[in-house]
Amino acid sequence: MALSPYVFDASAENFNRLVLENSHKGPVLVHFWTPKAGPCFMLMPRLVKLAAEYGGKFLLVMLNAEALPELARRFSVNSVPTVKFFWRGEVAHTIHGADPDSSFREVLDRFIAGDANRAHALGVAAWQAGNSQQARLLLANAAMAEPANLTIPRDLAKLLWAEGEGEQALKLLDSLPPEARADAVIAPLYAHLNLAETARLAMPLADLDVRLTHDADDLDARYQRAAVRLAGDDFSGAMADLLAIARADRGFRNDIGRTSLLALFDLLGSAHPLTRQYRQALSESLH
């Protein structure tokens, strides 16, 4: 197809080079079509026009699914027209049918925003659409491309936690430098995940009470009790234990008593009576 320097016809021989290899340089749109489907011929010139409009910021590849059924099956194309957006060797998005041009522009603009921003936006969109595997891949790629952008590991940790992989979410945040874990973007989530995972693995509350009766300075038992109390919606009891930890040892688990209290302040809001009470107590204890 010589309608544009940015539009190509796929074949069994050129697909890997034309689509997969080029998708590591920028987005590649593959239009799966057949000669018998009228909507394909309505969509085709619109896509060609978009390719010219974007001036090489993406490649458009036309794939005749009737002539190349193996490739159609390989990418689970069951109806036409279907347009798949390839990025870094993977299908990053799919549009079924002859959607309006605005739908294609919206997705293209996410890609063209820049590698990390593109992957981040697409990863969040994939997660919201229920495709967690694709979201993980995109968010992991984005995190590697822009390690200084802490919203990316934050969102990936949230995804892992939502998928029931709290331990992996914590490992991800633990792998960040200490200054990153203390950043306002990460610190509240890190504190919440620590408390939730600690509560899941903690001893029964009665056993923790016994440990603390024998040794009031057992900060590990006190932190476990704070977590268990919080899981039981005993905010006051949990905050009392966390305040005791902050007062006793700021170095315990990287100042987790103070950072956990700050996270709970954010959760409850500044007007909540417990926030006002424990914020003042924390301030007094640290001065």
C-alpha atoms as a PDB file:
ATOM      1  CA  MET A   1       0.000   0.000   0.000  1.00  0.00           C
ATOM      2  CA  ALA A   2       1.772   3.120  -1.265  1.00  0.00           C
ATOM      3  CA  LEU A   3      -0.796   5.609   0.063  1.00  0.00           C
ATOM      4  CA  SER A   4       1.566   6.894   2.754  1.00  0.00           C
ATOM      5  CA  PRO A   5       5.198   6.401   3.817  1.00  0.00           C
ATOM      6  CA  TYR A   6       3.839   5.321   7.200  1.00  0.00           C
ATOM      7  CA  VAL A   7       1.442   2.620   5.960  1.00  0.00           C
ATOM      8  CA  PHE A   8       2.513  -0.943   5.100  1.00  0.00           C
ATOM      9  CA  ASP A   9       0.976  -4.270   4.163  1.00  0.00           C
ATOM     10  CA  ALA A  10       1.740  -7.221   6.416  1.00  0.00           C
ATOM     11  CA  SER A  11       2.890 -10.598   5.192  1.00  0.00           C
ATOM     12  CA  ALA A  12       3.867 -13.785   6.973  1.00  0.00           C
ATOM     13  CA  GLU A  13       7.497 -13.009   6.145  1.00  0.00           C
ATOM     14  CA  ASN A  14       7.645  -9.375   7.258  1.00  0.00           C
ATOM     15  CA  PHE A  15       5.333  -9.357  10.284  1.00  0.00           C
ATOM     16  CA  ASN A  16       7.968  -9.836  12.996  1.00  0.00           C
ATOM     17  CA  ARG A  17      10.259  -7.182  11.546  1.00  0.00           C
ATOM     18  CA  LEU A  18       7.560  -4.762  10.489  1.00  0.00           C
ATOM     19  CA  VAL A  19       5.437  -4.955  13.627  1.00  0.00           C
ATOM     20  CA  LEU A  20       7.253  -6.517  16.579  1.00  0.00           C
ATOM     21  CA  GLU A  21      10.710  -5.065  15.962  1.00  0.00           C
ATOM     22  CA  ASN A  22       9.423  -1.614  15.032  1.00  0.00           C
ATOM     23  CA  SER A  23       7.203  -1.542  18.112  1.00  0.00           C
ATOM     24  CA  HIS A  24      10.363  -1.207  20.207  1.00  0.00           C
ATOM     25  CA  LYS A  25      10.969   2.134  18.460  1.00  0.00           C
ATOM     26  CA  GLY A  26       7.405   3.433  18.682  1.00  0.00           C
ATOM     27  CA  PRO A  27       3.760   2.369  18.500  1.00  0.00           C
ATOM     28  CA  VAL A  28       2.608   0.180  15.603  1.00  0.00           C
ATOM     29  CA  LEU A  29      -1.085  -0.124  14.774  1.00  0.00           C
ATOM     30  CA  VAL A  30      -2.154  -3.312  13.006  1.00  0.00           C
ATOM     31  CA  HIS A  31      -5.493  -3.119  11.206  1.00  0.00           C
ATOM     32  CA  PHE A  32      -6.897  -6.645  10.827  1.00  0.00           C
ATOM     33  CA  TRP A  33      -9.310  -6.567   7.881  1.00  0.00           C
ATOM     34  CA  THR A  34     -10.859  -8.753   5.181  1.00  0.00           C
ATOM     35  CA  PRO A  35     -12.063  -7.894   1.666  1.00  0.00           C
ATOM     36  CA  LYS A  36     -15.603  -9.084   2.497  1.00  0.00           C
ATOM     37  CA  ALA A  37     -16.174  -6.786   5.495  1.00  0.00           C
ATOM     38  CA  GLY A  38     -17.590  -3.400   4.507  1.00  0.00           C
ATOM     39  CA  PRO A  39     -16.713  -1.627   7.788  1.00  0.00           C
ATOM     40  CA  CYS A  40     -13.044  -2.375   7.132  1.00  0.00           C
ATOM     41  CA  PHE A  41     -13.131  -0.248   4.005  1.00  0.00           C
ATOM     42  CA  MET A  42     -14.776   2.560   5.946  1.00  0.00           C
ATOM     43  CA  LEU A  43     -12.115   2.467   8.653  1.00  0.00           C
ATOM     44  CA  MET A  44      -9.100   2.001   6.385  1.00  0.00           C
ATOM     45  CA  PRO A  45      -8.948   5.511   4.857  1.00  0.00           C
ATOM     46  CA  ARG A  46      -9.529   7.078   8.252  1.00  0.00           C
ATOM     47  CA  LEU A  47      -6.529   5.221   9.661  1.00  0.00           C
ATOM     48  CA  VAL A  48      -4.411   6.194   6.670  1.00  0.00           C
ATOM     49  CA  LYS A  49      -5.390   9.827   7.234  1.00  0.00           C
ATOM     50  CA  LEU A  50      -4.422   9.540  10.919  1.00  0.00           C
ATOM     51  CA  ALA A  51      -1.051   8.066   9.977  1.00  0.00           C
ATOM     52  CA  ALA A  52      -0.390  11.062   7.715  1.00  0.00           C
ATOM     53  CA  GLU A  53      -1.624  13.467  10.374  1.00  0.00           C
ATOM     54  CA  TYR A  54       0.733  12.032  13.015  1.00  0.00           C
ATOM     55  CA  GLY A  55       3.623  12.202  10.571  1.00  0.00           C
ATOM     56  CA  GLY A  56       5.517   9.054  11.453  1.00  0.00           C
ATOM     57  CA  LYS A  57       4.842   9.010  15.194  1.00  0.00           C
ATOM     58  CA  PHE A  58       3.301   5.589  14.627  1.00  0.00           C
ATOM     59  CA  LEU A  59       3.326   2.984  11.862  1.00  0.00           C
ATOM     60  CA  LEU A  60       0.125   1.621  10.393  1.00  0.00           C
ATOM     61  CA  VAL A  61       0.168  -1.974   9.159  1.00  0.00           C
ATOM     62  CA  MET A  62      -2.689  -3.500   7.170  1.00  0.00           C
ATOM     63  CA  LEU A  63      -3.145  -7.234   7.761  1.00  0.00           C
ATOM     64  CA  ASN A  64      -5.584  -9.190   5.626  1.00  0.00           C
ATOM     65  CA  ALA A  65      -6.922 -11.727   8.129  1.00  0.00           C
ATOM     66  CA  GLU A  66      -8.424 -13.822   5.342  1.00  0.00           C
ATOM     67  CA  ALA A  67      -5.046 -14.175   3.627  1.00  0.00           C
ATOM     68  CA  LEU A  68      -3.120 -14.557   6.928  1.00  0.00           C
ATOM     69  CA  PRO A  69      -5.414 -16.587   9.197  1.00  0.00           C
ATOM     70  CA  GLU A  70      -2.501 -17.887  11.289  1.00  0.00           C
ATOM     71  CA  LEU A  71      -1.587 -14.350  12.386  1.00  0.00           C
ATOM     72  CA  ALA A  72      -5.221 -13.534  13.092  1.00  0.00           C
ATOM     73  CA  ARG A  73      -5.519 -16.609  15.315  1.00  0.00           C
ATOM     74  CA  ARG A  74      -2.177 -15.859  16.969  1.00  0.00           C
ATOM     75  CA  PHE A  75      -3.552 -12.535  18.208  1.00  0.00           C
ATOM     76  CA  SER A  76      -7.080 -13.796  18.966  1.00  0.00           C
ATOM     77  CA  VAL A  77      -8.770 -11.774  16.233  1.00  0.00           C
ATOM     78  CA  ASN A  78     -12.279 -13.186  15.862  1.00  0.00           C
ATOM     79  CA  SER A  79     -13.962 -10.283  14.058  1.00  0.00           C
ATOM     80  CA  VAL A  80     -12.987  -7.445  11.759  1.00  0.00           C
ATOM     81  CA  PRO A  81     -12.191  -4.657  11.732  1.00  0.00           C
ATOM     82  CA  THR A  82      -9.916  -5.013  14.743  1.00  0.00           C
ATOM     83  CA  VAL A  83      -7.003  -2.673  15.437  1.00  0.00           C
ATOM     84  CA  LYS A  84      -4.255  -3.774  17.806  1.00  0.00           C
ATOM     85  CA  PHE A  85      -1.701  -1.342  19.188  1.00  0.00           C
ATOM     86  CA  PHE A  86       1.728  -2.971  19.520  1.00  0.00           C
ATOM     87  CA  TRP A  87       4.355  -1.527  21.812  1.00  0.00           C
ATOM     88  CA  ARG A  88       7.658  -3.100  22.872  1.00  0.00           C
ATOM     89  CA  GLY A  89       6.732  -6.370  21.230  1.00  0.00           C
ATOM     90  CA  GLU A  90       3.392  -6.737  22.997  1.00  0.00           C
ATOM     91  CA  VAL A  91      -0.233  -5.885  22.302  1.00  0.00           C
ATOM     92  CA  ALA A  92      -0.822  -2.876  24.545  1.00  0.00           C
ATOM     93  CA  HIS A  93      -4.382  -1.996  23.471  1.00  0.00           C
ATOM     94  CA  THR A  94      -7.151  -3.244  21.173  1.00  0.00           C
ATOM     95  CA  ILE A  95     -10.056  -1.461  19.497  1.00  0.00           C
ATOM     96  CA  HIS A  96     -12.800  -3.659  18.062  1.00  0.00           C
ATOM     97  CA  GLY A  97     -14.870  -2.202  15.246  1.00  0.00           C
ATOM     98  CA  ALA A  98     -14.789   1.097  13.398  1.00  0.00           C
ATOM     99  CA  ASP A  99     -14.658   3.389  16.427  1.00  0.00           C
ATOM    100  CA  PRO A 100     -14.604   7.185  15.989  1.00  0.00           C
ATOM    101  CA  ASP A 101     -11.276   8.843  15.194  1.00  0.00           C
ATOM    102  CA  SER A 102     -11.286  10.332  18.699  1.00  0.00           C
ATOM    103  CA  SER A 103     -10.939   6.837  20.194  1.00  0.00           C
ATOM    104  CA  PHE A 104      -7.801   6.194  18.174  1.00  0.00           C
ATOM    105  CA  ARG A 105      -6.379   9.639  18.942  1.00  0.00           C
ATOM    106  CA  GLU A 106      -6.929   9.161  22.666  1.00  0.00           C
ATOM    107  CA  VAL A 107      -4.908   5.945  22.736  1.00  0.00           C
ATOM    108  CA  LEU A 108      -2.256   7.244  20.339  1.00  0.00           C
ATOM    109  CA  ASP A 109      -1.724  10.348  22.447  1.00  0.00           C
ATOM    110  CA  ARG A 110      -1.089   8.167  25.485  1.00  0.00           C
ATOM    111  CA  PHE A 111       1.617   6.344  23.555  1.00  0.00           C
ATOM    112  CA  ILE A 112       3.207   9.433  22.105  1.00  0.00           C
ATOM    113  CA  ALA A 113       3.359  11.285  25.434  1.00  0.00           C
ATOM    114  CA  GLY A 114       6.762   9.685  26.110  1.00  0.00           C
ATOM    115  CA  ASP A 115       7.849   6.166  27.000  1.00  0.00           C
ATOM    116  CA  ALA A 116       7.367   6.239  30.767  1.00  0.00           C
ATOM    117  CA  ASN A 117       4.261   8.425  30.791  1.00  0.00           C
ATOM    118  CA  ARG A 118       2.835   6.354  27.959  1.00  0.00           C
ATOM    119  CA  ALA A 119       3.372   3.036  29.701  1.00  0.00           C
ATOM    120  CA  HIS A 120       2.121   4.413  32.993  1.00  0.00           C
ATOM    121  CA  ALA A 121      -1.109   5.733  31.486  1.00  0.00           C
ATOM    122  CA  LEU A 122      -1.696   2.568  29.478  1.00  0.00           C
ATOM    123  CA  GLY A 123      -0.921   0.407  32.511  1.00  0.00           C
ATOM    124  CA  VAL A 124      -3.476   2.217  34.659  1.00  0.00           C
ATOM    125  CA  ALA A 125      -6.010   1.990  31.826  1.00  0.00           C
ATOM    126  CA  ALA A 126      -5.372  -1.749  31.440  1.00  0.00           C
ATOM    127  CA  TRP A 127      -5.827  -2.247  35.175  1.00  0.00           C
ATOM    128  CA  GLN A 128      -9.110  -0.330  35.129  1.00  0.00           C
ATOM    129  CA  ALA A 129     -10.226  -2.494  32.214  1.00  0.00           C
ATOM    130  CA  GLY A 130      -9.503  -5.643  34.225  1.00  0.00           C
ATOM    131  CA  ASN A 131      -6.370  -6.734  32.340  1.00  0.00           C
ATOM    132  CA  SER A 132      -3.990  -7.031  35.286  1.00  0.00           C
ATOM    133  CA  GLN A 133      -1.313  -9.032  33.453  1.00  0.00           C
ATOM    134  CA  GLN A 134      -0.977  -6.379  30.756  1.00  0.00           C
ATOM    135  CA  ALA A 135      -1.083  -3.644  33.400  1.00  0.00           C
ATOM    136  CA  ARG A 136       1.794  -5.240  35.318  1.00  0.00           C
ATOM    137  CA  LEU A 137       3.933  -5.429  32.197  1.00  0.00           C
ATOM    138  CA  LEU A 138       3.303  -1.822  31.247  1.00  0.00           C
ATOM    139  CA  LEU A 139       3.814  -0.451  34.759  1.00  0.00           C
ATOM    140  CA  ALA A 140       7.014  -2.462  35.218  1.00  0.00           C
ATOM    141  CA  ASN A 141       8.351  -1.106  31.911  1.00  0.00           C
ATOM    142  CA  ALA A 142       7.409   2.420  32.948  1.00  0.00           C
ATOM    143  CA  ALA A 143       9.138   2.056  36.323  1.00  0.00           C
ATOM    144  CA  MET A 144      12.361   0.960  34.626  1.00  0.00           C
ATOM    145  CA  ALA A 145      12.159   3.792  32.092  1.00  0.00           C
ATOM    146  CA  GLU A 146      11.624   6.502  34.706  1.00  0.00           C
ATOM    147  CA  PRO A 147      12.832   5.359  38.153  1.00  0.00           C
ATOM    148  CA  ALA A 148      12.496   8.849  39.637  1.00  0.00           C
ATOM    149  CA  ASN A 149       8.717   8.906  39.038  1.00  0.00           C
ATOM    150  CA  LEU A 150       7.436   7.390  42.282  1.00  0.00           C
ATOM    151  CA  THR A 151       3.801   7.368  41.192  1.00  0.00           C
ATOM    152  CA  ILE A 152       4.626   4.391  38.959  1.00  0.00           C
ATOM    153  CA  PRO A 153       5.827   1.944  41.675  1.00  0.00           C
ATOM    154  CA  ARG A 154       3.036   3.277  43.890  1.00  0.00           C
ATOM    155  CA  ASP A 155       0.408   2.292  41.302  1.00  0.00           C
ATOM    156  CA  LEU A 156       2.084  -1.055  40.640  1.00  0.00           C
ATOM    157  CA  ALA A 157       2.117  -1.799  44.386  1.00  0.00           C
ATOM    158  CA  LYS A 158      -1.577  -0.886  44.587  1.00  0.00           C
ATOM    159  CA  LEU A 159      -2.294  -3.277  41.715  1.00  0.00           C
ATOM    160  CA  LEU A 160      -0.383  -6.116  43.398  1.00  0.00           C
ATOM    161  CA  TRP A 161      -2.180  -5.481  46.676  1.00  0.00           C
ATOM    162  CA  ALA A 162      -5.577  -5.448  44.944  1.00  0.00           C
ATOM    163  CA  GLU A 163      -4.680  -8.768  43.303  1.00  0.00           C
ATOM    164  CA  GLY A 164      -4.016 -10.317  46.728  1.00  0.00           C
ATOM    165  CA  GLU A 165      -0.233 -10.144  46.452  1.00  0.00           C
ATOM    166  CA  GLY A 166       0.513  -7.959  49.450  1.00  0.00           C
ATOM    167  CA  GLU A 167       3.879  -9.596  50.065  1.00  0.00           C
ATOM    168  CA  GLN A 168       5.023  -8.796  46.522  1.00  0.00           C
ATOM    169  CA  ALA A 169       3.708  -5.247  46.848  1.00  0.00           C
ATOM    170  CA  LEU A 170       5.782  -4.742  49.983  1.00  0.00           C
ATOM    171  CA  LYS A 171       8.867  -6.280  48.373  1.00  0.00           C
ATOM    172  CA  LEU A 172       8.488  -3.817  45.516  1.00  0.00           C
ATOM    173  CA  LEU A 173       8.345  -0.833  47.875  1.00  0.00           C
ATOM    174  CA  ASP A 174      11.128  -2.259  50.052  1.00  0.00           C
ATOM    175  CA  SER A 175      13.355  -2.308  46.965  1.00  0.00           C
ATOM    176  CA  LEU A 176      13.099   1.483  46.678  1.00  0.00           C
ATOM    177  CA  PRO A 177      15.825   3.656  48.254  1.00  0.00           C
ATOM    178  CA  PRO A 178      15.075   4.828  51.820  1.00  0.00           C
ATOM    179  CA  GLU A 179      14.511   8.402  50.667  1.00  0.00           C
ATOM    180  CA  ALA A 180      11.938   7.187  48.145  1.00  0.00           C
ATOM    181  CA  ARG A 181      10.055   5.177  50.779  1.00  0.00           C
ATOM    182  CA  ALA A 182       9.925   8.322  52.916  1.00  0.00           C
ATOM    183  CA  ASP A 183       8.555  10.430  50.051  1.00  0.00           C
ATOM    184  CA  ALA A 184       4.995  11.687  50.448  1.00  0.00           C
ATOM    185  CA  VAL A 185       3.954   9.747  47.318  1.00  0.00           C
ATOM    186  CA  ILE A 186       5.064   6.389  48.738  1.00  0.00           C
ATOM    187  CA  ALA A 187       5.098   6.729  52.543  1.00  0.00           C
ATOM    188  CA  PRO A 188       1.325   6.474  53.242  1.00  0.00           C
ATOM    189  CA  LEU A 189       0.884   3.401  51.023  1.00  0.00           C
ATOM    190  CA  TYR A 190       4.038   1.816  52.447  1.00  0.00           C
ATOM    191  CA  ALA A 191       2.721   2.309  55.975  1.00  0.00           C
ATOM    192  CA  HIS A 192      -0.729   0.930  55.133  1.00  0.00           C
ATOM    193  CA  LEU A 193       0.695  -2.147  53.383  1.00  0.00           C
ATOM    194  CA  ASN A 194       3.063  -2.838  56.267  1.00  0.00           C
ATOM    195  CA  LEU A 195       0.222  -2.666  58.751  1.00  0.00           C
ATOM    196  CA  ALA A 196      -2.083  -4.837  56.643  1.00  0.00           C
ATOM    197  CA  GLU A 197       0.553  -7.509  55.992  1.00  0.00           C
ATOM    198  CA  THR A 198       1.661  -7.468  59.625  1.00  0.00           C
ATOM    199  CA  ALA A 199      -1.947  -7.966  60.742  1.00  0.00           C
ATOM    200  CA  ARG A 200      -2.335 -10.887  58.338  1.00  0.00           C
ATOM    201  CA  LEU A 201       0.722 -12.658  59.756  1.00  0.00           C
ATOM    202  CA  ALA A 202       0.477 -11.536  63.391  1.00  0.00           C
ATOM    203  CA  MET A 203       0.003 -13.599  66.522  1.00  0.00           C
ATOM    204  CA  PRO A 204      -3.487 -13.572  68.108  1.00  0.00           C
ATOM    205  CA  LEU A 205      -4.257 -10.386  70.014  1.00  0.00           C
ATOM    206  CA  ALA A 206      -4.399 -12.204  73.356  1.00  0.00           C
ATOM    207  CA  ASP A 207      -0.885 -13.593  72.851  1.00  0.00           C
ATOM    208  CA  LEU A 208       0.432 -10.148  71.960  1.00  0.00           C
ATOM    209  CA  ASP A 209      -1.142  -8.737  75.122  1.00  0.00           C
ATOM    210  CA  VAL A 210       0.694 -11.388  77.140  1.00  0.00           C
ATOM    211  CA  ARG A 211       4.014 -10.577  75.454  1.00  0.00           C
ATOM    212  CA  LEU A 212       3.608  -6.891  76.240  1.00  0.00           C
ATOM    213  CA  THR A 213       2.600  -7.611  79.812  1.00  0.00           C
ATOM    214  CA  HIS A 214       5.929  -9.400  80.262  1.00  0.00           C
ATOM    215  CA  ASP A 215       7.937  -6.846  78.283  1.00  0.00           C
ATOM    216  CA  ALA A 216       6.418  -3.433  77.583  1.00  0.00           C
ATOM    217  CA  ASP A 217       9.497  -2.559  75.491  1.00  0.00           C
ATOM    218  CA  ASP A 218       8.852  -5.357  72.965  1.00  0.00           C
ATOM    219  CA  LEU A 219       8.345  -3.045  69.980  1.00  0.00           C
ATOM    220  CA  ASP A 220       7.788  -5.885  67.530  1.00  0.00           C
ATOM    221  CA  ALA A 221       4.871  -7.166  69.620  1.00  0.00           C
ATOM    222  CA  ARG A 222       3.562  -3.625  70.005  1.00  0.00           C
ATOM    223  CA  TYR A 223       3.659  -3.037  66.257  1.00  0.00           C
ATOM    224  CA  GLN A 224       1.890  -6.354  65.613  1.00  0.00           C
ATOM    225  CA  ARG A 225      -0.758  -5.373  68.140  1.00  0.00           C
ATOM    226  CA  ALA A 226      -1.208  -1.986  66.467  1.00  0.00           C
ATOM    227  CA  ALA A 227      -1.726  -3.761  63.150  1.00  0.00           C
ATOM    228  CA  VAL A 228      -4.225  -6.257  64.578  1.00  0.00           C
ATOM    229  CA  ARG A 229      -6.102  -3.492  66.365  1.00  0.00           C
ATOM    230  CA  LEU A 230      -6.297  -1.455  63.186  1.00  0.00           C
ATOM    231  CA  ALA A 231      -7.577  -4.484  61.244  1.00  0.00           C
ATOM    232  CA  GLY A 232     -10.328  -4.700  63.877  1.00  0.00           C
ATOM    233  CA  ASP A 233     -11.167  -0.999  63.420  1.00  0.00           C
ATOM    234  CA  ASP A 234      -9.739  -0.107  66.830  1.00  0.00           C
ATOM    235  CA  PHE A 235      -8.120   3.078  65.577  1.00  0.00           C
ATOM    236  CA  SER A 236      -7.572   4.530  69.030  1.00  0.00           C
ATOM    237  CA  GLY A 237      -5.789   1.429  70.322  1.00  0.00           C
ATOM    238  CA  ALA A 238      -3.684   1.137  67.179  1.00  0.00           C
ATOM    239  CA  MET A 239      -2.647   4.792  67.331  1.00  0.00           C
ATOM    240  CA  ALA A 240      -1.755   4.490  71.003  1.00  0.00           C
ATOM    241  CA  ASP A 241       0.607   1.615  70.206  1.00  0.00           C
ATOM    242  CA  LEU A 242       2.120   3.450  67.244  1.00  0.00           C
ATOM    243  CA  LEU A 243       2.679   6.567  69.369  1.00  0.00           C
ATOM    244  CA  ALA A 244       4.424   4.432  71.986  1.00  0.00           C
ATOM    245  CA  ILE A 245       6.746   3.045  69.284  1.00  0.00           C
ATOM    246  CA  ALA A 246       7.513   6.537  67.934  1.00  0.00           C
ATOM    247  CA  ARG A 247       8.350   7.730  71.447  1.00  0.00           C
ATOM    248  CA  ALA A 248      10.480   4.689  72.270  1.00  0.00           C
ATOM    249  CA  ASP A 249      12.651   4.340  69.173  1.00  0.00           C
ATOM    250  CA  ARG A 250      12.548   6.418  65.976  1.00  0.00           C
ATOM    251  CA  GLY A 251      14.950   3.922  64.421  1.00  0.00           C
ATOM    252  CA  PHE A 252      12.642   0.935  64.824  1.00  0.00           C
ATOM    253  CA  ARG A 253      11.809  -0.303  61.314  1.00  0.00           C
ATOM    254  CA  ASN A 254      12.739   3.039  59.778  1.00  0.00           C
ATOM    255  CA  ASP A 255      10.563   5.148  62.093  1.00  0.00           C
ATOM    256  CA  ILE A 256       7.491   3.088  61.329  1.00  0.00           C
ATOM    257  CA  GLY A 257       5.608   4.287  64.408  1.00  0.00           C
ATOM    258  CA  ARG A 258       5.665   7.907  63.242  1.00  0.00           C
ATOM    259  CA  THR A 259       5.131   7.192  59.523  1.00  0.00           C
ATOM    260  CA  SER A 260       2.196   4.890  60.288  1.00  0.00           C
ATOM    261  CA  LEU A 261       0.581   7.562  62.436  1.00  0.00           C
ATOM    262  CA  LEU A 262       0.989  10.111  59.653  1.00  0.00           C
ATOM    263  CA  ALA A 263      -0.665   7.697  57.226  1.00  0.00           C
ATOM    264  CA  LEU A 264      -3.586   7.234  59.607  1.00  0.00           C
ATOM    265  CA  PHE A 265      -3.912  11.003  59.990  1.00  0.00           C
ATOM    266  CA  ASP A 266      -4.295  11.226  56.217  1.00  0.00           C
ATOM    267  CA  LEU A 267      -6.808   8.391  56.228  1.00  0.00           C
ATOM    268  CA  LEU A 268      -8.993   9.857  58.984  1.00  0.00           C
ATOM    269  CA  GLY A 269      -8.645  13.478  57.918  1.00  0.00           C
ATOM    270  CA  SER A 270      -7.364  16.481  59.809  1.00  0.00           C
ATOM    271  CA  ALA A 271     -10.739  17.211  61.476  1.00  0.00           C
ATOM    272  CA  HIS A 272     -11.102  13.770  63.085  1.00  0.00           C
ATOM    273  CA  PRO A 273     -10.795  13.889  66.913  1.00  0.00           C
ATOM    274  CA  LEU A 274      -8.230  11.055  66.926  1.00  0.00           C
ATOM    275  CA  THR A 275      -6.112  12.879  64.362  1.00  0.00           C
ATOM    276  CA  ARG A 276      -6.113  16.043  66.460  1.00  0.00           C
ATOM    277  CA  GLN A 277      -5.376  14.099  69.650  1.00  0.00           C
ATOM    278  CA  TYR A 278      -2.524  11.993  68.338  1.00  0.00           C
ATOM    279  CA  ARG A 279      -1.032  14.669  66.095  1.00  0.00           C
ATOM    280  CA  GLN A 280      -0.590  16.886  69.148  1.00  0.00           C
ATOM    281  CA  ALA A 281       0.747  13.985  71.236  1.00  0.00           C
ATOM    282  CA  LEU A 282       3.190  13.028  68.476  1.00  0.00           C
ATOM    283  CA  SER A 283       4.387  16.616  68.108  1.00  0.00           C
ATOM    284  CA  GLU A 284       4.944  16.935  71.852  1.00  0.00           C
ATOM    285  CA  SER A 285       6.832  13.653  72.049  1.00  0.00           C
ATOM    286  CA  LEU A 286       9.229  14.542  69.240  1.00  0.00           C
ATOM    287  CA  HIS A 287      10.230  17.960  70.564  1.00  0.00           C
END
